[in-house]
Amino acid sequence: MHALLIALAAGYGIAVGLLATRPLFRLAVQPGEPWRAACPDGHPITGPAAGWLGLARCGPCGRAADAGPGAYGPSGVLVARVCALACAGLAAAVGSRPELAVWLLLVPLSVVLAGVDLAVHRLPDVLTLPMALGSAALLGGAALLPGAAGSWSRAVFGGLVLGAAYFVLFLINPAGMGFGDVKLAVTLGVGLGWYGWDVLFLGAFTGLLLGAFYGVALVLTRRASRKAALAFGPFMMVGAGAGVLVGGLAAG
């Protein structure tokens, strides 16, 4: 049964990963610019949900995600693989507990956010704010179901604590920490706090450590200066993901 759950989660990850490339492409614009409404060749993006749902391939010209970051976003296959791996890992760690559904819903949104941050160094409010409110609400529902392994009140408090901690970091160094990171930290704090304060510390510290190592590596290899802006969101999410995996395994 556990192996079937992992396989189903991986299949779900592939499906949502293929669909995630389109919103990633549309949202990866500089601040102040409108979301992309056409493919690189100028053909309007159409489809369900005002063109936000669907595979990242333009019907008229055939341009697809595999065209690369400068054209139609990163490879759809790569995004699907990342989502599948993340979903399968979560299913393996958490099992059939009700909070697994919340984690699986957050995976494609997190991958889209990470891709946008890597491309244009921003974390759009259109995703970060609904993720913060949605994760708290959905975990509240999960807490009412039998088999849930976390605490909803601690999750909400964890979101406030981690969000406040990142807000302090933003005030100390606004050039190195964007306000989008602060809003993202609320969602990550909710997820990590669900399993405990030790998990919250582990996930948050891991994200900070990974980001710091990456920044130092860029400086040492002269690929960036000390004052260069870095996409910190992906490291925050990888750290949080590692924390949730550890928390899910420990709760089992």
Foldseek 3Di string as FASTA:
>chain_A
DLVVQLVVQLVLLLVLLQFLLQQLQQLQDAPPDHGDQAFQVRHGQDDPPRNSGDGQADPPPGDHQVVDCVGRHHDSNVSSNQSSVLRSLLCNLQPPQQCSVLVNVCSSLLSSQLRSCQRHNARDPVRLVCLLVVSLVSVVVSVPDPPQQFDSVQLQVQLVVQLVVLVVVCVVPVLARPNRVSSNSSNLRSLQSRLHPVLSCQLQVQLVVVVVVVLVVCCVVVVDPNSDYDSSSVSSVVSSSVSNSVSSNVSD
